[in-house]
Amino acid sequence: MYLYKITTYLCFLLLICSCAPFKKVKTPDNTIELTKDNLHLIDGTYQNNIENPAYSLELFWGSFYTRKEQESVYNLVYKEKEPFLITLKSVSKKRLNVTITVKDSILKSFDIKGRVKNGYFEQRRITYAIPTIFVNKYYSSKFRIGLLNRNTIITDFKKTDIGTVYFFYPFNNSSNNYNIEHKKVTSKE
């Protein structure tokens, strides 16, 4: 019972803490500030930067990249070096449609819900906690998209992924990717 209380308090503490903010990220000088009225400026198709790799069971452009999706494009992406093409389309002031393609084949299409904040479009925070006997895990992530004046966009991603296995083996898989530039391939038509 004592161990259960400690686990409950720890999970509660983690939930009320902001573990994946972008407060200390340096914004590039050539950034165009996004607003609700000019969100359509990021519409277009962009080539994914190789500094932003797609890992199985991780967030990739605001959506979880599954093992099945990885297996379907593994030869194209990792052996033939075909890039991921990301098509962004602003649907509303709080939603972007994202389509991920590889060599004219659509891998995934989904909507990112979020809002314009500090000149970026920020996805809603994705957070979950698993308080079980064998594995305790807390996950929190944030993804945002900005616009540069060189016909490119910039993405920032931060995640906090911490926990324990059998209460003895702690793990910390937290990571971040800041100021990753993606070049525009086609213009909005």
C-alpha atoms as a PDB file:
ATOM      1  CA  MET A   1       0.000   0.000   0.000  1.00  0.00           C
ATOM      2  CA  TYR A   2       2.857   2.370   0.817  1.00  0.00           C
ATOM      3  CA  LEU A   3       4.471   1.761  -2.578  1.00  0.00           C
ATOM      4  CA  TYR A   4       1.147   2.420  -4.315  1.00  0.00           C
ATOM      5  CA  LYS A   5       0.824   5.801  -2.575  1.00  0.00           C
ATOM      6  CA  ILE A   6       4.332   6.819  -3.582  1.00  0.00           C
ATOM      7  CA  THR A   7       3.649   5.828  -7.181  1.00  0.00           C
ATOM      8  CA  THR A   8       0.376   7.763  -7.182  1.00  0.00           C
ATOM      9  CA  TYR A   9       2.013  10.904  -5.790  1.00  0.00           C
ATOM     10  CA  LEU A  10       4.881  10.630  -8.263  1.00  0.00           C
ATOM     11  CA  CYS A  11       2.491  10.321 -11.207  1.00  0.00           C
ATOM     12  CA  PHE A  12       0.443  13.258  -9.941  1.00  0.00           C
ATOM     13  CA  LEU A  13       3.576  15.360  -9.575  1.00  0.00           C
ATOM     14  CA  LEU A  14       4.679  14.507 -13.099  1.00  0.00           C
ATOM     15  CA  LEU A  15       1.268  15.352 -14.528  1.00  0.00           C
ATOM     16  CA  ILE A  16       1.187  18.837 -13.041  1.00  0.00           C
ATOM     17  CA  CYS A  17       4.747  19.641 -14.137  1.00  0.00           C
ATOM     18  CA  SER A  18       5.378  21.108 -17.556  1.00  0.00           C
ATOM     19  CA  CYS A  19       8.024  18.701 -18.781  1.00  0.00           C
ATOM     20  CA  ALA A  20       8.300  19.535 -22.482  1.00  0.00           C
ATOM     21  CA  PRO A  21       8.308  23.328 -22.947  1.00  0.00           C
ATOM     22  CA  PHE A  22       9.997  25.344 -25.713  1.00  0.00           C
ATOM     23  CA  LYS A  23      10.818  28.307 -23.480  1.00  0.00           C
ATOM     24  CA  LYS A  24      14.608  28.109 -23.804  1.00  0.00           C
ATOM     25  CA  VAL A  25      14.783  27.388 -27.547  1.00  0.00           C
ATOM     26  CA  LYS A  26      16.558  30.120 -29.519  1.00  0.00           C
ATOM     27  CA  THR A  27      14.439  31.366 -32.418  1.00  0.00           C
ATOM     28  CA  PRO A  28      16.337  31.988 -35.685  1.00  0.00           C
ATOM     29  CA  ASP A  29      16.609  35.596 -36.857  1.00  0.00           C
ATOM     30  CA  ASN A  30      14.961  35.009 -40.240  1.00  0.00           C
ATOM     31  CA  THR A  31      11.714  33.620 -38.819  1.00  0.00           C
ATOM     32  CA  ILE A  32       8.390  34.894 -40.138  1.00  0.00           C
ATOM     33  CA  GLU A  33       5.958  35.071 -37.254  1.00  0.00           C
ATOM     34  CA  LEU A  34       2.893  32.945 -37.843  1.00  0.00           C
ATOM     35  CA  THR A  35      -0.490  34.289 -36.827  1.00  0.00           C
ATOM     36  CA  LYS A  36      -4.016  32.913 -37.135  1.00  0.00           C
ATOM     37  CA  ASP A  37      -4.449  35.012 -40.275  1.00  0.00           C
ATOM     38  CA  ASN A  38      -1.277  33.955 -42.120  1.00  0.00           C
ATOM     39  CA  LEU A  39      -1.130  30.265 -41.160  1.00  0.00           C
ATOM     40  CA  HIS A  40      -1.774  29.401 -44.822  1.00  0.00           C
ATOM     41  CA  LEU A  41       1.795  30.532 -45.633  1.00  0.00           C
ATOM     42  CA  ILE A  42       3.150  27.146 -44.528  1.00  0.00           C
ATOM     43  CA  ASP A  43       0.979  25.278 -47.044  1.00  0.00           C
ATOM     44  CA  GLY A  44       3.092  23.267 -49.476  1.00  0.00           C
ATOM     45  CA  THR A  45       5.261  20.173 -49.798  1.00  0.00           C
ATOM     46  CA  TYR A  46       8.559  19.929 -47.945  1.00  0.00           C
ATOM     47  CA  GLN A  47      11.391  17.411 -47.985  1.00  0.00           C
ATOM     48  CA  ASN A  48      12.013  15.959 -44.548  1.00  0.00           C
ATOM     49  CA  ASN A  49      15.462  16.857 -43.235  1.00  0.00           C
ATOM     50  CA  ILE A  50      17.600  13.789 -42.477  1.00  0.00           C
ATOM     51  CA  GLU A  51      18.304  15.296 -39.039  1.00  0.00           C
ATOM     52  CA  ASN A  52      14.653  14.498 -38.272  1.00  0.00           C
ATOM     53  CA  PRO A  53      14.676  10.699 -38.577  1.00  0.00           C
ATOM     54  CA  ALA A  54      11.604   8.509 -38.329  1.00  0.00           C
ATOM     55  CA  TYR A  55      11.879   5.965 -35.527  1.00  0.00           C
ATOM     56  CA  SER A  56       9.359   3.216 -35.034  1.00  0.00           C
ATOM     57  CA  LEU A  57       6.898   3.881 -32.185  1.00  0.00           C
ATOM     58  CA  GLU A  58       7.970   7.530 -31.900  1.00  0.00           C
ATOM     59  CA  LEU A  59       6.304  10.781 -32.922  1.00  0.00           C
ATOM     60  CA  PHE A  60       7.113  11.813 -36.492  1.00  0.00           C
ATOM     61  CA  TRP A  61       5.596  15.088 -37.681  1.00  0.00           C
ATOM     62  CA  GLY A  62       3.053  15.038 -34.877  1.00  0.00           C
ATOM     63  CA  SER A  63       1.798  11.458 -35.266  1.00  0.00           C
ATOM     64  CA  PHE A  64       3.064   8.127 -33.980  1.00  0.00           C
ATOM     65  CA  TYR A  65       5.104   6.275 -36.614  1.00  0.00           C
ATOM     66  CA  THR A  66       4.150   2.625 -36.333  1.00  0.00           C
ATOM     67  CA  ARG A  67       6.266  -0.440 -37.032  1.00  0.00           C
ATOM     68  CA  LYS A  68       3.893  -1.423 -39.861  1.00  0.00           C
ATOM     69  CA  GLU A  69       4.450   1.969 -41.535  1.00  0.00           C
ATOM     70  CA  GLN A  70       8.195   1.622 -41.102  1.00  0.00           C
ATOM     71  CA  GLU A  71       8.202  -1.838 -42.673  1.00  0.00           C
ATOM     72  CA  SER A  72       6.137  -0.633 -45.649  1.00  0.00           C
ATOM     73  CA  VAL A  73       8.724   2.014 -46.656  1.00  0.00           C
ATOM     74  CA  TYR A  74      11.911   0.560 -45.191  1.00  0.00           C
ATOM     75  CA  ASN A  75      13.539  -0.347 -48.531  1.00  0.00           C
ATOM     76  CA  LEU A  76      12.651   2.985 -50.142  1.00  0.00           C
ATOM     77  CA  VAL A  77      13.783   5.183 -47.270  1.00  0.00           C
ATOM     78  CA  TYR A  78      16.758   3.350 -45.831  1.00  0.00           C
ATOM     79  CA  LYS A  79      18.202   1.457 -48.823  1.00  0.00           C
ATOM     80  CA  GLU A  80      17.237   3.534 -51.876  1.00  0.00           C
ATOM     81  CA  LYS A  81      17.483   6.791 -49.881  1.00  0.00           C
ATOM     82  CA  GLU A  82      14.120   8.148 -51.045  1.00  0.00           C
ATOM     83  CA  PRO A  83      13.147  11.100 -48.810  1.00  0.00           C
ATOM     84  CA  PHE A  84       9.922  11.561 -46.899  1.00  0.00           C
ATOM     85  CA  LEU A  85       7.846  14.344 -48.472  1.00  0.00           C
ATOM     86  CA  ILE A  86       5.604  16.207 -46.057  1.00  0.00           C
ATOM     87  CA  THR A  87       2.597  18.108 -47.430  1.00  0.00           C
ATOM     88  CA  LEU A  88       1.073  20.679 -45.079  1.00  0.00           C
ATOM     89  CA  LYS A  89      -2.334  22.260 -45.589  1.00  0.00           C
ATOM     90  CA  SER A  90      -3.966  24.627 -43.122  1.00  0.00           C
ATOM     91  CA  VAL A  91      -7.534  23.454 -42.575  1.00  0.00           C
ATOM     92  CA  SER A  92      -8.492  26.027 -39.954  1.00  0.00           C
ATOM     93  CA  LYS A  93      -6.858  28.317 -37.415  1.00  0.00           C
ATOM     94  CA  LYS A  94      -6.398  25.360 -35.064  1.00  0.00           C
ATOM     95  CA  ARG A  95      -5.773  22.462 -37.459  1.00  0.00           C
ATOM     96  CA  LEU A  96      -3.203  21.430 -40.068  1.00  0.00           C
ATOM     97  CA  ASN A  97      -3.577  18.490 -42.435  1.00  0.00           C
ATOM     98  CA  VAL A  98      -0.317  16.558 -42.867  1.00  0.00           C
ATOM     99  CA  THR A  99       0.300  14.005 -45.608  1.00  0.00           C
ATOM    100  CA  ILE A 100       3.498  11.962 -45.538  1.00  0.00           C
ATOM    101  CA  THR A 101       4.526  10.418 -48.854  1.00  0.00           C
ATOM    102  CA  VAL A 102       7.474   8.372 -50.062  1.00  0.00           C
ATOM    103  CA  LYS A 103       8.080   8.119 -53.834  1.00  0.00           C
ATOM    104  CA  ASP A 104       4.488   9.027 -54.829  1.00  0.00           C
ATOM    105  CA  SER A 105       3.009   6.596 -52.296  1.00  0.00           C
ATOM    106  CA  ILE A 106       0.991   8.059 -49.425  1.00  0.00           C
ATOM    107  CA  LEU A 107       2.229   6.608 -46.158  1.00  0.00           C
ATOM    108  CA  LYS A 108      -0.107   8.483 -43.838  1.00  0.00           C
ATOM    109  CA  SER A 109      -2.489  11.435 -43.760  1.00  0.00           C
ATOM    110  CA  PHE A 110      -3.684  13.006 -40.510  1.00  0.00           C
ATOM    111  CA  ASP A 111      -4.622  16.280 -38.829  1.00  0.00           C
ATOM    112  CA  ILE A 112      -2.564  18.075 -36.219  1.00  0.00           C
ATOM    113  CA  LYS A 113      -4.668  19.961 -33.686  1.00  0.00           C
ATOM    114  CA  GLY A 114      -2.980  22.891 -32.021  1.00  0.00           C
ATOM    115  CA  ARG A 115      -2.772  26.664 -31.991  1.00  0.00           C
ATOM    116  CA  VAL A 116      -0.572  29.518 -33.043  1.00  0.00           C
ATOM    117  CA  LYS A 117       1.655  30.508 -30.141  1.00  0.00           C
ATOM    118  CA  ASN A 118       4.761  32.714 -30.083  1.00  0.00           C
ATOM    119  CA  GLY A 119       4.926  32.810 -33.895  1.00  0.00           C
ATOM    120  CA  TYR A 120       4.766  29.010 -34.304  1.00  0.00           C
ATOM    121  CA  PHE A 121       1.997  26.491 -34.833  1.00  0.00           C
ATOM    122  CA  GLU A 122       2.209  24.287 -31.723  1.00  0.00           C
ATOM    123  CA  GLN A 123       0.609  20.880 -31.545  1.00  0.00           C
ATOM    124  CA  ARG A 124      -1.416  20.064 -28.465  1.00  0.00           C
ATOM    125  CA  ARG A 125       0.710  18.330 -25.874  1.00  0.00           C
ATOM    126  CA  ILE A 126       0.575  14.540 -26.010  1.00  0.00           C
ATOM    127  CA  THR A 127       0.798  13.144 -22.486  1.00  0.00           C
ATOM    128  CA  TYR A 128       0.175   9.808 -20.882  1.00  0.00           C
ATOM    129  CA  ALA A 129       1.188   7.939 -17.737  1.00  0.00           C
ATOM    130  CA  ILE A 130       1.301   4.219 -17.033  1.00  0.00           C
ATOM    131  CA  PRO A 131       1.316   3.524 -13.274  1.00  0.00           C
ATOM    132  CA  THR A 132       1.468  -0.282 -13.020  1.00  0.00           C
ATOM    133  CA  ILE A 133       3.299  -2.713 -10.774  1.00  0.00           C
ATOM    134  CA  PHE A 134       5.878  -3.736 -13.360  1.00  0.00           C
ATOM    135  CA  VAL A 135       6.360  -0.580 -15.405  1.00  0.00           C
ATOM    136  CA  ASN A 136       5.875   3.035 -14.409  1.00  0.00           C
ATOM    137  CA  LYS A 137       6.090   5.431 -17.311  1.00  0.00           C
ATOM    138  CA  TYR A 138       5.426   9.106 -17.957  1.00  0.00           C
ATOM    139  CA  TYR A 139       5.468  10.515 -21.502  1.00  0.00           C
ATOM    140  CA  SER A 140       4.988  14.116 -22.589  1.00  0.00           C
ATOM    141  CA  SER A 141       5.794  15.594 -25.992  1.00  0.00           C
ATOM    142  CA  LYS A 142       5.413  18.826 -27.905  1.00  0.00           C
ATOM    143  CA  PHE A 143       5.860  19.542 -31.634  1.00  0.00           C
ATOM    144  CA  ARG A 144       5.798  22.897 -33.387  1.00  0.00           C
ATOM    145  CA  ILE A 145       6.240  24.284 -36.882  1.00  0.00           C
ATOM    146  CA  GLY A 146       7.584  27.713 -37.807  1.00  0.00           C
ATOM    147  CA  LEU A 147       8.188  29.563 -41.066  1.00  0.00           C
ATOM    148  CA  LEU A 148      11.504  30.955 -42.325  1.00  0.00           C
ATOM    149  CA  ASN A 149      11.841  33.570 -45.046  1.00  0.00           C
ATOM    150  CA  ARG A 150      13.995  31.283 -47.242  1.00  0.00           C
ATOM    151  CA  ASN A 151      10.992  29.255 -48.465  1.00  0.00           C
ATOM    152  CA  THR A 152      11.594  26.693 -45.722  1.00  0.00           C
ATOM    153  CA  ILE A 153       9.898  25.678 -42.513  1.00  0.00           C
ATOM    154  CA  ILE A 154      11.460  24.874 -39.182  1.00  0.00           C
ATOM    155  CA  THR A 155      10.369  22.231 -36.683  1.00  0.00           C
ATOM    156  CA  ASP A 156      11.037  21.743 -32.997  1.00  0.00           C
ATOM    157  CA  PHE A 157      10.289  18.572 -31.072  1.00  0.00           C
ATOM    158  CA  LYS A 158      10.793  17.810 -27.407  1.00  0.00           C
ATOM    159  CA  LYS A 159       9.781  14.767 -25.431  1.00  0.00           C
ATOM    160  CA  THR A 160      10.087  13.647 -21.845  1.00  0.00           C
ATOM    161  CA  ASP A 161       9.929   9.887 -21.474  1.00  0.00           C
ATOM    162  CA  ILE A 162      10.858   8.628 -18.006  1.00  0.00           C
ATOM    163  CA  GLY A 163       9.953   5.749 -15.748  1.00  0.00           C
ATOM    164  CA  THR A 164      11.042   2.599 -13.986  1.00  0.00           C
ATOM    165  CA  VAL A 165      10.873  -1.124 -14.652  1.00  0.00           C
ATOM    166  CA  TYR A 166      10.112  -3.261 -11.574  1.00  0.00           C
ATOM    167  CA  PHE A 167      10.897  -0.100  -9.506  1.00  0.00           C
ATOM    168  CA  PHE A 168      14.604  -0.910  -9.745  1.00  0.00           C
ATOM    169  CA  TYR A 169      15.687  -0.019 -13.256  1.00  0.00           C
ATOM    170  CA  PRO A 170      15.012   3.660 -14.030  1.00  0.00           C
ATOM    171  CA  PHE A 171      15.055   4.855 -17.636  1.00  0.00           C
ATOM    172  CA  ASN A 172      15.123   8.240 -19.296  1.00  0.00           C
ATOM    173  CA  ASN A 173      14.475   8.295 -23.051  1.00  0.00           C
ATOM    174  CA  SER A 174      13.957  12.058 -23.229  1.00  0.00           C
ATOM    175  CA  SER A 175      15.154  13.845 -26.344  1.00  0.00           C
ATOM    176  CA  ASN A 176      14.768  16.997 -28.384  1.00  0.00           C
ATOM    177  CA  ASN A 177      15.341  18.267 -31.916  1.00  0.00           C
ATOM    178  CA  TYR A 178      15.378  22.033 -32.311  1.00  0.00           C
ATOM    179  CA  ASN A 179      15.564  24.290 -35.363  1.00  0.00           C
ATOM    180  CA  ILE A 180      15.434  21.534 -37.991  1.00  0.00           C
ATOM    181  CA  GLU A 181      14.954  23.149 -41.417  1.00  0.00           C
ATOM    182  CA  HIS A 182      12.910  21.500 -44.170  1.00  0.00           C
ATOM    183  CA  LYS A 183      13.129  22.866 -47.729  1.00  0.00           C
ATOM    184  CA  LYS A 184      10.023  23.487 -49.797  1.00  0.00           C
ATOM    185  CA  VAL A 185       9.718  21.197 -52.824  1.00  0.00           C
ATOM    186  CA  THR A 186       6.572  22.578 -54.478  1.00  0.00           C
ATOM    187  CA  SER A 187       4.663  25.761 -53.991  1.00  0.00           C
ATOM    188  CA  LYS A 188       1.029  26.058 -53.029  1.00  0.00           C
ATOM    189  CA  GLU A 189      -1.277  25.970 -56.034  1.00  0.00           C
END
